[in-house]
Protein backbone atom coordinates (compact mmCIF):
# COMPACT_ATOMS: atom_id res chain seq x y z
CA UNK A 1 112.75 89.38 89.58
CA UNK A 2 113.81 91.42 92.87
CA UNK A 3 116.85 91.39 93.88
CA UNK A 4 115.89 91.69 97.40
CA UNK A 5 114.79 89.09 99.95
CA UNK A 6 113.05 89.55 103.12
CA UNK A 7 115.61 88.88 106.06
CA UNK A 8 114.19 87.77 109.24
CA UNK A 9 114.64 90.42 111.89
CA UNK A 10 116.67 89.22 115.29
CA UNK A 11 114.50 89.18 117.86
CA UNK A 12 116.03 91.09 120.31
CA UNK A 13 116.49 94.05 118.49
CA UNK A 14 112.90 94.35 118.30
CA UNK A 15 112.54 92.42 122.63
CA UNK A 16 114.83 94.41 124.27
CA UNK A 17 113.26 98.17 123.37
CA UNK A 18 110.06 96.67 123.81
CA UNK A 19 110.55 95.75 126.73
CA UNK A 20 113.14 98.28 128.38
CA UNK A 21 111.36 101.54 126.42
CA UNK A 22 108.21 101.62 128.76
CA UNK A 23 109.69 101.16 131.74
CA UNK A 24 112.07 103.54 130.92
CA UNK A 25 109.67 106.18 130.28
CA UNK A 26 107.85 105.55 132.65
CA UNK A 27 110.37 105.71 135.44
CA UNK A 28 111.54 109.16 133.33
CA UNK A 29 107.61 110.30 134.06
CA UNK A 30 107.46 109.34 137.97
CA UNK A 31 110.47 110.92 138.64
CA UNK A 32 109.77 114.10 136.73
CA UNK A 33 106.40 114.86 138.38
CA UNK A 34 108.00 114.16 141.86
CA UNK A 35 110.68 116.79 141.05
CA UNK A 36 108.53 119.26 139.11
CA UNK A 37 105.08 118.79 139.90
CA UNK A 38 102.94 119.84 142.70
CA UNK A 39 103.38 120.17 146.70
CA UNK A 40 101.72 117.23 148.05
CA UNK A 41 100.37 117.94 151.51
CA UNK A 42 100.87 114.48 153.54
CA UNK A 43 104.25 113.13 152.33
CA UNK A 44 106.78 114.02 150.99
CA UNK A 45 108.23 114.83 147.05
CA UNK A 46 110.16 111.17 148.24
CA UNK A 47 107.16 109.55 148.65
CA UNK A 48 105.44 111.13 145.69
CA UNK A 49 109.02 109.82 144.10
CA UNK A 50 107.81 105.78 145.87
CA UNK A 51 104.19 105.56 144.94
CA UNK A 52 104.77 106.81 141.31
CA UNK A 53 108.01 104.38 140.47
CA UNK A 54 105.40 101.20 141.69
CA UNK A 55 102.17 102.42 139.60
CA UNK A 56 104.34 103.31 137.11
CA UNK A 57 106.56 100.27 136.83
CA UNK A 58 103.03 98.26 137.13
CA UNK A 59 101.98 100.18 134.07
CA UNK A 60 104.74 100.15 132.63
CA UNK A 61 104.37 96.30 132.41
CA UNK A 62 100.94 96.12 131.49
CA UNK A 63 101.45 98.63 128.51
CA UNK A 64 104.70 96.11 127.47
CA UNK A 65 102.55 93.71 127.16
CA UNK A 66 99.40 95.51 125.47
CA UNK A 67 102.72 96.74 122.64
CA UNK A 68 104.58 93.40 122.34
CA UNK A 69 100.60 91.55 121.46
CA UNK A 70 100.14 94.34 118.69
CA UNK A 71 103.45 94.06 116.92
CA UNK A 72 102.58 90.62 116.58
CA UNK A 73 98.37 90.81 115.56
CA UNK A 74 100.35 93.12 113.67
CA UNK A 75 103.00 91.15 111.99
CA UNK A 76 100.58 88.22 112.02
CA UNK A 77 98.82 90.14 109.65
CA UNK A 78 101.14 91.09 107.87
CA UNK A 79 100.59 94.92 107.50
CA UNK A 80 104.18 95.55 109.57
CA UNK A 81 107.66 94.03 110.58
CA UNK A 82 108.06 94.61 113.71
CA UNK A 83 110.12 97.62 114.66
CA UNK A 84 114.17 97.22 115.66
CA UNK A 85 116.86 100.01 115.43
CA UNK A 86 116.26 104.08 117.14
CA UNK A 87 112.60 102.98 115.51
CA UNK A 88 111.52 100.95 118.33
CA UNK A 89 113.09 102.69 121.36
CA UNK A 90 111.46 105.64 120.04
CA UNK A 91 107.85 104.22 120.07
CA UNK A 92 108.97 102.08 123.38
CA UNK A 93 109.60 105.32 125.05
CA UNK A 94 108.11 107.61 123.27
CA UNK A 95 104.50 106.01 123.47
CA UNK A 96 103.91 105.42 127.55
CA UNK A 97 104.22 109.58 127.10
CA UNK A 98 100.82 110.27 125.48
CA UNK A 99 99.21 108.13 127.84
CA UNK A 100 100.01 109.24 130.74
CA UNK A 101 99.37 113.04 128.84
CA UNK A 102 96.33 111.39 128.44
CA UNK A 103 96.23 110.53 132.04
CA UNK A 104 96.51 113.66 132.71
CA UNK A 105 93.43 115.08 130.50
CA UNK A 106 91.29 112.28 132.13
CA UNK A 107 91.93 110.58 135.32
CA UNK A 108 90.82 107.34 134.82
CA UNK A 109 90.08 107.80 138.96
CA UNK A 110 87.76 109.83 138.21
CA UNK A 111 85.58 107.40 136.90
CA UNK A 112 84.93 105.81 139.88
CA UNK A 113 81.15 106.35 140.82
CA UNK A 114 80.65 103.90 137.02
CA UNK A 115 82.41 100.70 138.63
CA UNK A 116 85.36 99.44 138.85
CA UNK A 117 85.58 98.62 134.93
CA UNK A 118 85.25 101.70 134.18
CA UNK A 119 88.57 103.00 135.68
CA UNK A 120 90.14 99.67 134.19
CA UNK A 121 88.91 100.45 130.43
CA UNK A 122 89.84 104.11 131.14
CA UNK A 123 93.41 102.45 132.33
CA UNK A 124 93.58 100.27 129.16
CA UNK A 125 91.15 101.93 126.11
CA UNK A 126 94.96 104.94 126.32
CA UNK A 127 97.68 102.15 126.15
CA UNK A 128 95.70 99.77 123.57
CA UNK A 129 95.25 102.85 121.34
CA UNK A 130 98.96 104.95 121.73
CA UNK A 131 100.47 100.55 120.48
CA UNK A 132 97.73 100.64 117.78
CA UNK A 133 98.60 104.03 117.04
CA UNK A 134 102.26 104.40 117.29
CA UNK A 135 102.72 101.41 114.78
CA UNK A 136 100.60 101.93 112.24
CA UNK A 137 101.81 105.37 111.84
CA UNK A 138 105.17 105.16 112.17
CA UNK A 139 106.06 101.67 112.61
CA UNK A 140 108.22 99.67 109.41
CA UNK A 141 105.79 98.57 106.80
CA UNK A 142 105.76 95.38 105.31
CA UNK A 143 106.46 95.28 101.18
CA UNK A 144 103.27 94.51 99.68
CA UNK A 145 105.25 92.20 96.75
CA UNK A 146 105.89 90.45 100.31
CA UNK A 147 102.46 89.62 101.58
CA UNK A 148 100.61 86.60 101.33
CA UNK A 149 96.53 86.93 99.84
CA UNK A 150 94.16 84.86 101.42
CA UNK A 151 93.62 83.38 98.19
């Protein structure tokens, strides 16, 4: 018999990084862009920072929702546990940077000629891929002996 027992993680140890990590990440990205990004013609760096913080807050809200749904889905499918501790903070803080990086490579606004759904898809697809990718690659696995078979 196995001497290990499954212990349910405390929801706060998962929820706090999941909620605040993307906000911190997007705020950092907006601040770095305002401080070191290109000079804008009509608005100063404070204007760029304010617009970046508003856009970052909206993106962080959507990314937080996607990330929480991915975590719950992977837990329901018994593939991954809810991330807690330092790993949860790293995943919640690092994944939005990959999303922002993908926006730098291919701006969703450049897809305006394909319609508004193309822009929405280009905004959401990197978020979903980053959330799944980080969770599947780095997320804590569920012990196979604890998985329930569907027989």
